[in-house]
Amino acid sequence: MSDPDTQSAPRGRPFTPGQSGNPKGRPKGSRNAVTLLAEALLNDEAEAIIRKVVDKALEGDSAAMRLAIERMIPAKRQRTITVDFEGEINTAADAARASSAIVSACVRGEISWEEATQISSLIESHLRILTAVEVETRLAALERGVLK
């Protein structure tokens, strides 16, 4: 049994909070020795490994096919889209014009309905923020007695 008056660091935690044996921490960009060793081994055999995966894929191994395809075809990224509407969105009327432009672009097939939905959601969020700012401004004016 330990003496309750004796203060010692908890087991496995030899340093006081906020202070360690390496106050600067691990250097940026430093790599784990095991990772470096694994990379070195793989680099020496990379060509043979790739050839084996390709051979297995050609034999019909579905896991090898999936791996090969995932490496050959890059992951799908969202495309940048543009929708023409004039000016910034500072009022509900501006948001309505932007929304009309989005619906029109969707109907013409220039953007997908998923993209139209995402942009509309962005406009809706922006309009909520504008509304909150307006309410806050009016409330502050009321509190100052400026608004009639």
Protein backbone atom coordinates (compact mmCIF):
# COMPACT_ATOMS: atom_id res chain seq x y z
CA MET A 1 0.00 0.00 0.00
CA SER A 2 1.23 3.50 -0.72
CA ASP A 3 1.32 6.40 1.65
CA PRO A 4 -1.55 8.83 0.82
CA ASP A 5 0.65 11.81 1.71
CA THR A 6 3.27 10.86 -0.89
CA GLN A 7 2.63 12.50 -4.27
CA SER A 8 4.13 10.64 -7.21
CA ALA A 9 3.42 10.79 -10.91
CA PRO A 10 0.84 8.25 -12.04
CA ARG A 11 2.25 5.12 -13.53
CA GLY A 12 3.13 5.60 -17.20
CA ARG A 13 3.03 9.40 -16.85
CA PRO A 14 6.40 10.52 -15.55
CA PHE A 15 6.03 14.18 -16.54
CA THR A 16 3.79 16.85 -15.11
CA PRO A 17 1.05 18.09 -17.45
CA GLY A 18 2.40 20.60 -19.96
CA GLN A 19 6.01 19.51 -19.50
CA SER A 20 7.68 16.55 -21.15
CA GLY A 21 11.11 15.19 -21.78
CA ASN A 22 10.92 16.74 -25.27
CA PRO A 23 9.23 20.14 -24.94
CA LYS A 24 9.59 20.95 -28.65
CA GLY A 25 7.83 17.70 -29.59
CA ARG A 26 8.46 15.55 -32.60
CA PRO A 27 10.07 17.51 -35.45
CA LYS A 28 7.76 18.40 -38.35
CA GLY A 29 8.09 15.98 -41.23
CA SER A 30 9.92 13.33 -39.22
CA ARG A 31 8.97 9.80 -40.18
CA ASN A 32 8.57 6.63 -38.17
CA ALA A 33 11.48 4.21 -38.58
CA VAL A 34 9.13 1.28 -39.25
CA THR A 35 7.37 3.25 -41.99
CA LEU A 36 10.71 4.10 -43.60
CA LEU A 37 11.77 0.45 -43.50
CA ALA A 38 8.47 -0.72 -45.01
CA GLU A 39 8.75 1.85 -47.80
CA ALA A 40 12.31 0.76 -48.57
CA LEU A 41 11.24 -2.88 -48.79
CA LEU A 42 8.25 -2.04 -50.98
CA ASN A 43 10.28 0.23 -53.26
CA ASP A 44 12.68 -2.64 -53.98
CA GLU A 45 9.78 -4.93 -54.90
CA ALA A 46 7.25 -2.43 -56.27
CA GLU A 47 7.54 -3.57 -59.88
CA ALA A 48 7.10 -7.24 -58.96
CA ILE A 49 4.13 -6.47 -56.72
CA ILE A 50 2.42 -4.39 -59.40
CA ARG A 51 3.03 -7.12 -61.99
CA LYS A 52 1.51 -9.72 -59.62
CA VAL A 53 -1.61 -7.57 -59.01
CA VAL A 54 -2.04 -7.06 -62.76
CA ASP A 55 -1.61 -10.78 -63.42
CA LYS A 56 -4.18 -11.65 -60.74
CA ALA A 57 -6.60 -9.08 -62.15
CA LEU A 58 -6.20 -10.56 -65.62
CA GLU A 59 -6.91 -14.02 -64.15
CA GLY A 60 -10.22 -12.69 -62.83
CA ASP A 61 -9.37 -11.96 -59.19
CA SER A 62 -12.02 -9.35 -58.31
CA ALA A 63 -10.02 -7.85 -55.40
CA ALA A 64 -7.00 -7.36 -57.68
CA MET A 65 -9.26 -5.85 -60.36
CA ARG A 66 -10.76 -3.42 -57.88
CA LEU A 67 -7.31 -2.42 -56.60
CA ALA A 68 -5.99 -1.90 -60.13
CA ILE A 69 -9.00 0.17 -61.18
CA GLU A 70 -8.91 2.29 -58.02
CA ARG A 71 -5.28 3.14 -58.77
CA MET A 72 -5.77 3.80 -62.49
CA ILE A 73 -8.90 5.95 -62.26
CA PRO A 74 -8.61 8.95 -59.93
CA ALA A 75 -11.31 9.56 -57.35
CA LYS A 76 -14.16 11.70 -58.65
CA ARG A 77 -13.85 15.31 -57.61
CA GLN A 78 -16.57 17.87 -57.72
CA ARG A 79 -16.32 20.11 -60.72
CA THR A 80 -16.34 23.86 -60.52
CA ILE A 81 -19.55 25.28 -61.91
CA THR A 82 -20.67 28.77 -62.74
CA VAL A 83 -24.18 30.15 -62.77
CA ASP A 84 -24.81 33.58 -64.23
CA PHE A 85 -26.70 35.99 -62.03
CA GLU A 86 -25.97 39.65 -61.62
CA GLY A 87 -24.38 41.14 -58.52
CA GLU A 88 -24.02 39.94 -54.99
CA ILE A 89 -26.65 38.34 -52.78
CA ASN A 90 -27.44 40.94 -50.13
CA THR A 91 -31.25 40.81 -49.97
CA ALA A 92 -34.08 38.33 -50.31
CA ALA A 93 -34.75 39.76 -53.79
CA ASP A 94 -31.13 39.05 -54.77
CA ALA A 95 -31.51 35.49 -53.43
CA ALA A 96 -34.70 35.04 -55.47
CA ARG A 97 -32.91 36.17 -58.66
CA ALA A 98 -30.01 33.82 -57.92
CA SER A 99 -32.41 30.97 -57.25
CA SER A 100 -34.18 31.60 -60.57
CA ALA A 101 -30.82 31.53 -62.37
CA ILE A 102 -29.97 28.23 -60.70
CA VAL A 103 -33.29 26.64 -61.64
CA SER A 104 -32.89 27.86 -65.22
CA ALA A 105 -29.36 26.46 -65.45
CA CYS A 106 -30.63 23.14 -64.13
CA VAL A 107 -33.52 23.04 -66.61
CA ARG A 108 -31.12 23.81 -69.48
CA GLY A 109 -28.89 20.93 -68.33
CA GLU A 110 -25.92 23.16 -67.54
CA ILE A 111 -25.81 21.88 -63.96
CA SER A 112 -27.22 18.75 -62.35
CA TRP A 113 -30.13 18.83 -59.93
CA GLU A 114 -27.70 17.78 -57.15
CA GLU A 115 -25.50 20.78 -57.93
CA ALA A 116 -28.57 23.06 -58.09
CA THR A 117 -29.70 21.75 -54.70
CA GLN A 118 -26.28 22.34 -53.15
CA ILE A 119 -26.03 25.89 -54.51
CA SER A 120 -29.59 26.65 -53.41
CA SER A 121 -28.75 25.40 -49.93
CA LEU A 122 -25.70 27.66 -49.88
CA ILE A 123 -27.81 30.66 -50.89
CA GLU A 124 -30.41 29.78 -48.25
CA SER A 125 -27.72 29.62 -45.55
CA HIS A 126 -26.29 32.94 -46.71
CA LEU A 127 -29.75 34.53 -46.61
CA ARG A 128 -30.27 33.27 -43.02
CA ILE A 129 -26.99 34.89 -42.00
CA LEU A 130 -27.99 38.16 -43.68
CA THR A 131 -31.33 38.03 -41.87
CA ALA A 132 -29.64 37.42 -38.52
CA VAL A 133 -27.31 40.37 -39.10
CA GLU A 134 -30.26 42.59 -39.99
CA VAL A 135 -32.20 41.53 -36.88
CA GLU A 136 -29.14 42.15 -34.73
CA THR A 137 -28.63 45.60 -36.27
CA ARG A 138 -32.27 46.56 -35.76
CA LEU A 139 -32.24 45.29 -32.18
CA ALA A 140 -29.13 47.30 -31.39
CA ALA A 141 -30.76 50.39 -32.91
CA LEU A 142 -33.90 49.81 -30.83
CA GLU A 143 -31.81 49.50 -27.71
CA ARG A 144 -30.13 52.81 -28.53
CA GLY A 145 -33.55 54.37 -29.18
CA VAL A 146 -32.65 55.32 -32.75
CA LEU A 147 -35.22 53.19 -34.56
CA LYS A 148 -38.77 54.53 -34.53
